[in-house]
Amino acid sequence: MITAGVLVVLIVLFAIANSQTVTIHWWFITTTQTPMIVVIAGCGLIGFAVGWMFARRRAASRGAPR
């Protein structure tokens, strides 16, 4: 729990320090102008979700209660 809290604080500080607007090239949409804080927060949330899903899957395979 402490590690997760430290990681959240680091991501927030990193996002605040990088507040300029960046151009994102998507596969289907040509380009969009997005604040870097949104990109960093989105990547952090995606990373959290993927880690959480793998942790649940590992716990389920070991027979641990959810």
N, C-alpha and C. Protein backbone atom coordinates (compact mmCIF):
# COMPACT_ATOMS: atom_id res chain seq x y z
N MET A 1 0.83 -1.18 0.00
CA MET A 1 0.00 0.00 0.00
C MET A 1 0.88 1.25 0.00
N ILE A 2 1.95 1.21 0.75
CA ILE A 2 2.86 2.35 0.81
C ILE A 2 3.54 2.56 -0.55
N THR A 3 3.93 1.46 -1.17
CA THR A 3 4.58 1.55 -2.48
C THR A 3 3.63 2.17 -3.51
N ALA A 4 2.38 1.76 -3.49
CA ALA A 4 1.39 2.33 -4.42
C ALA A 4 1.22 3.82 -4.17
N GLY A 5 1.17 4.22 -2.92
CA GLY A 5 1.04 5.64 -2.59
C GLY A 5 2.23 6.46 -3.08
N VAL A 6 3.43 5.92 -2.89
CA VAL A 6 4.64 6.60 -3.36
C VAL A 6 4.62 6.72 -4.88
N LEU A 7 4.21 5.67 -5.57
CA LEU A 7 4.16 5.71 -7.03
C LEU A 7 3.14 6.74 -7.53
N VAL A 8 2.01 6.83 -6.86
CA VAL A 8 1.00 7.82 -7.25
C VAL A 8 1.55 9.23 -7.07
N VAL A 9 2.21 9.48 -5.96
CA VAL A 9 2.79 10.80 -5.71
C VAL A 9 3.84 11.13 -6.77
N LEU A 10 4.69 10.18 -7.12
CA LEU A 10 5.71 10.40 -8.15
C LEU A 10 5.09 10.69 -9.51
N ILE A 11 4.05 9.96 -9.87
CA ILE A 11 3.38 10.20 -11.15
C ILE A 11 2.75 11.58 -11.17
N VAL A 12 2.12 11.98 -10.08
CA VAL A 12 1.49 13.31 -10.01
C VAL A 12 2.55 14.40 -10.12
N LEU A 13 3.66 14.27 -9.40
CA LEU A 13 4.72 15.28 -9.48
C LEU A 13 5.33 15.35 -10.88
N PHE A 14 5.53 14.21 -11.50
CA PHE A 14 6.07 14.16 -12.85
C PHE A 14 5.11 14.81 -13.84
N ALA A 15 3.83 14.55 -13.68
CA ALA A 15 2.83 15.12 -14.57
C ALA A 15 2.75 16.63 -14.40
N ILE A 16 2.82 17.13 -13.19
CA ILE A 16 2.76 18.57 -12.95
C ILE A 16 3.99 19.26 -13.53
N ALA A 17 5.15 18.63 -13.45
CA ALA A 17 6.37 19.22 -13.98
C ALA A 17 6.36 19.27 -15.50
N ASN A 18 5.57 18.45 -16.16
CA ASN A 18 5.50 18.39 -17.62
C ASN A 18 4.11 18.80 -18.08
N SER A 19 3.83 20.09 -18.03
CA SER A 19 2.47 20.55 -18.31
C SER A 19 2.30 21.13 -19.71
N GLN A 20 3.31 21.06 -20.57
CA GLN A 20 3.17 21.62 -21.92
C GLN A 20 2.26 20.75 -22.78
N THR A 21 1.85 21.30 -23.92
CA THR A 21 0.98 20.59 -24.85
C THR A 21 1.84 19.82 -25.84
N VAL A 22 1.43 18.59 -26.14
CA VAL A 22 2.17 17.74 -27.07
C VAL A 22 1.23 17.29 -28.19
N THR A 23 1.83 16.91 -29.32
CA THR A 23 1.08 16.37 -30.44
C THR A 23 1.13 14.85 -30.37
N ILE A 24 -0.03 14.22 -30.42
CA ILE A 24 -0.10 12.76 -30.36
C ILE A 24 -0.55 12.25 -31.72
N HIS A 25 0.18 11.27 -32.24
CA HIS A 25 -0.16 10.64 -33.51
C HIS A 25 -0.80 9.28 -33.21
N TRP A 26 -2.10 9.17 -33.44
CA TRP A 26 -2.84 7.94 -33.23
C TRP A 26 -2.79 7.09 -34.49
N TRP A 27 -3.23 5.87 -34.40
CA TRP A 27 -3.26 5.00 -35.58
C TRP A 27 -4.31 5.45 -36.58
N PHE A 28 -5.47 5.83 -36.10
CA PHE A 28 -6.58 6.17 -37.00
C PHE A 28 -6.83 7.66 -37.09
N ILE A 29 -6.58 8.40 -36.03
CA ILE A 29 -6.74 9.85 -36.03
C ILE A 29 -5.37 10.45 -36.31
N THR A 30 -5.29 11.40 -37.20
CA THR A 30 -3.98 11.90 -37.61
C THR A 30 -3.20 12.50 -36.44
N THR A 31 -3.63 13.62 -35.91
CA THR A 31 -2.91 14.24 -34.79
C THR A 31 -3.90 14.94 -33.87
N THR A 32 -3.54 15.00 -32.63
CA THR A 32 -4.32 15.77 -31.66
C THR A 32 -3.35 16.51 -30.75
N GLN A 33 -3.75 17.68 -30.30
CA GLN A 33 -2.98 18.45 -29.32
C GLN A 33 -3.55 18.13 -27.94
N THR A 34 -2.71 17.61 -27.07
CA THR A 34 -3.16 17.19 -25.74
C THR A 34 -2.14 17.66 -24.70
N PRO A 35 -2.60 18.15 -23.56
CA PRO A 35 -1.65 18.47 -22.49
C PRO A 35 -0.92 17.20 -22.03
N MET A 36 0.37 17.32 -21.79
CA MET A 36 1.16 16.15 -21.41
C MET A 36 0.68 15.57 -20.08
N ILE A 37 0.11 16.39 -19.21
CA ILE A 37 -0.40 15.88 -17.94
C ILE A 37 -1.49 14.83 -18.17
N VAL A 38 -2.31 15.02 -19.21
CA VAL A 38 -3.36 14.06 -19.55
C VAL A 38 -2.74 12.76 -20.06
N VAL A 39 -1.70 12.88 -20.87
CA VAL A 39 -1.02 11.70 -21.42
C VAL A 39 -0.37 10.89 -20.28
N ILE A 40 0.31 11.58 -19.38
CA ILE A 40 0.98 10.89 -18.27
C ILE A 40 -0.04 10.24 -17.34
N ALA A 41 -1.11 10.97 -17.01
CA ALA A 41 -2.15 10.40 -16.14
C ALA A 41 -2.82 9.21 -16.80
N GLY A 42 -3.09 9.31 -18.10
CA GLY A 42 -3.70 8.19 -18.81
C GLY A 42 -2.80 6.96 -18.82
N CYS A 43 -1.52 7.16 -19.07
CA CYS A 43 -0.57 6.03 -19.06
C CYS A 43 -0.46 5.42 -17.67
N GLY A 44 -0.48 6.28 -16.65
CA GLY A 44 -0.44 5.77 -15.27
C GLY A 44 -1.66 4.93 -14.94
N LEU A 45 -2.83 5.40 -15.36
CA LEU A 45 -4.07 4.65 -15.11
C LEU A 45 -4.10 3.33 -15.88
N ILE A 46 -3.62 3.35 -17.12
CA ILE A 46 -3.57 2.10 -17.90
C ILE A 46 -2.60 1.12 -17.24
N GLY A 47 -1.44 1.60 -16.80
CA GLY A 47 -0.48 0.73 -16.11
C GLY A 47 -1.05 0.16 -14.83
N PHE A 48 -1.77 0.98 -14.06
CA PHE A 48 -2.40 0.50 -12.84
C PHE A 48 -3.43 -0.58 -13.15
N ALA A 49 -4.26 -0.34 -14.16
CA ALA A 49 -5.30 -1.31 -14.51
C ALA A 49 -4.71 -2.64 -14.96
N VAL A 50 -3.67 -2.58 -15.78
CA VAL A 50 -3.03 -3.82 -16.25
C VAL A 50 -2.41 -4.58 -15.08
N GLY A 51 -1.71 -3.87 -14.20
CA GLY A 51 -1.11 -4.52 -13.02
C GLY A 51 -2.16 -5.12 -12.11
N TRP A 52 -3.26 -4.42 -11.92
CA TRP A 52 -4.35 -4.91 -11.07
C TRP A 52 -4.96 -6.18 -11.66
N MET A 53 -5.16 -6.19 -12.98
CA MET A 53 -5.75 -7.37 -13.63
C MET A 53 -4.83 -8.58 -13.51
N PHE A 54 -3.52 -8.37 -13.70
CA PHE A 54 -2.59 -9.49 -13.58
C PHE A 54 -2.51 -9.98 -12.13
N ALA A 55 -2.57 -9.07 -11.17
CA ALA A 55 -2.54 -9.48 -9.76
C ALA A 55 -3.78 -10.29 -9.40
N ARG A 56 -4.95 -9.89 -9.90
CA ARG A 56 -6.18 -10.65 -9.64
C ARG A 56 -6.10 -12.02 -10.28
N ARG A 57 -5.56 -12.07 -11.48
CA ARG A 57 -5.46 -13.36 -12.18
C ARG A 57 -4.50 -14.29 -11.45
N ARG A 58 -3.38 -13.76 -10.97
CA ARG A 58 -2.42 -14.57 -10.24
C ARG A 58 -3.03 -15.07 -8.93
N ALA A 59 -3.76 -14.20 -8.23
CA ALA A 59 -4.39 -14.59 -6.97
C ALA A 59 -5.45 -15.66 -7.20
N ALA A 60 -6.19 -15.56 -8.30
CA ALA A 60 -7.23 -16.54 -8.61
C ALA A 60 -6.61 -17.88 -8.95
N SER A 61 -5.46 -17.88 -9.61
CA SER A 61 -4.83 -19.14 -9.98
C SER A 61 -4.22 -19.83 -8.77
N ARG A 62 -3.90 -19.07 -7.74
CA ARG A 62 -3.37 -19.65 -6.51
C ARG A 62 -4.46 -20.05 -5.52
N GLY A 63 -5.70 -19.73 -5.85
CA GLY A 63 -6.81 -20.08 -4.98
C GLY A 63 -7.06 -19.11 -3.86
N ALA A 64 -6.47 -17.93 -3.93
CA ALA A 64 -6.67 -16.93 -2.88
C ALA A 64 -8.05 -16.31 -3.02
N PRO A 65 -8.66 -15.94 -1.90
CA PRO A 65 -9.98 -15.28 -1.97
C PRO A 65 -9.85 -13.90 -2.58
N ARG A 66 -10.90 -13.43 -3.27
CA ARG A 66 -10.87 -12.12 -3.92
C ARG A 66 -11.30 -11.05 -3.02
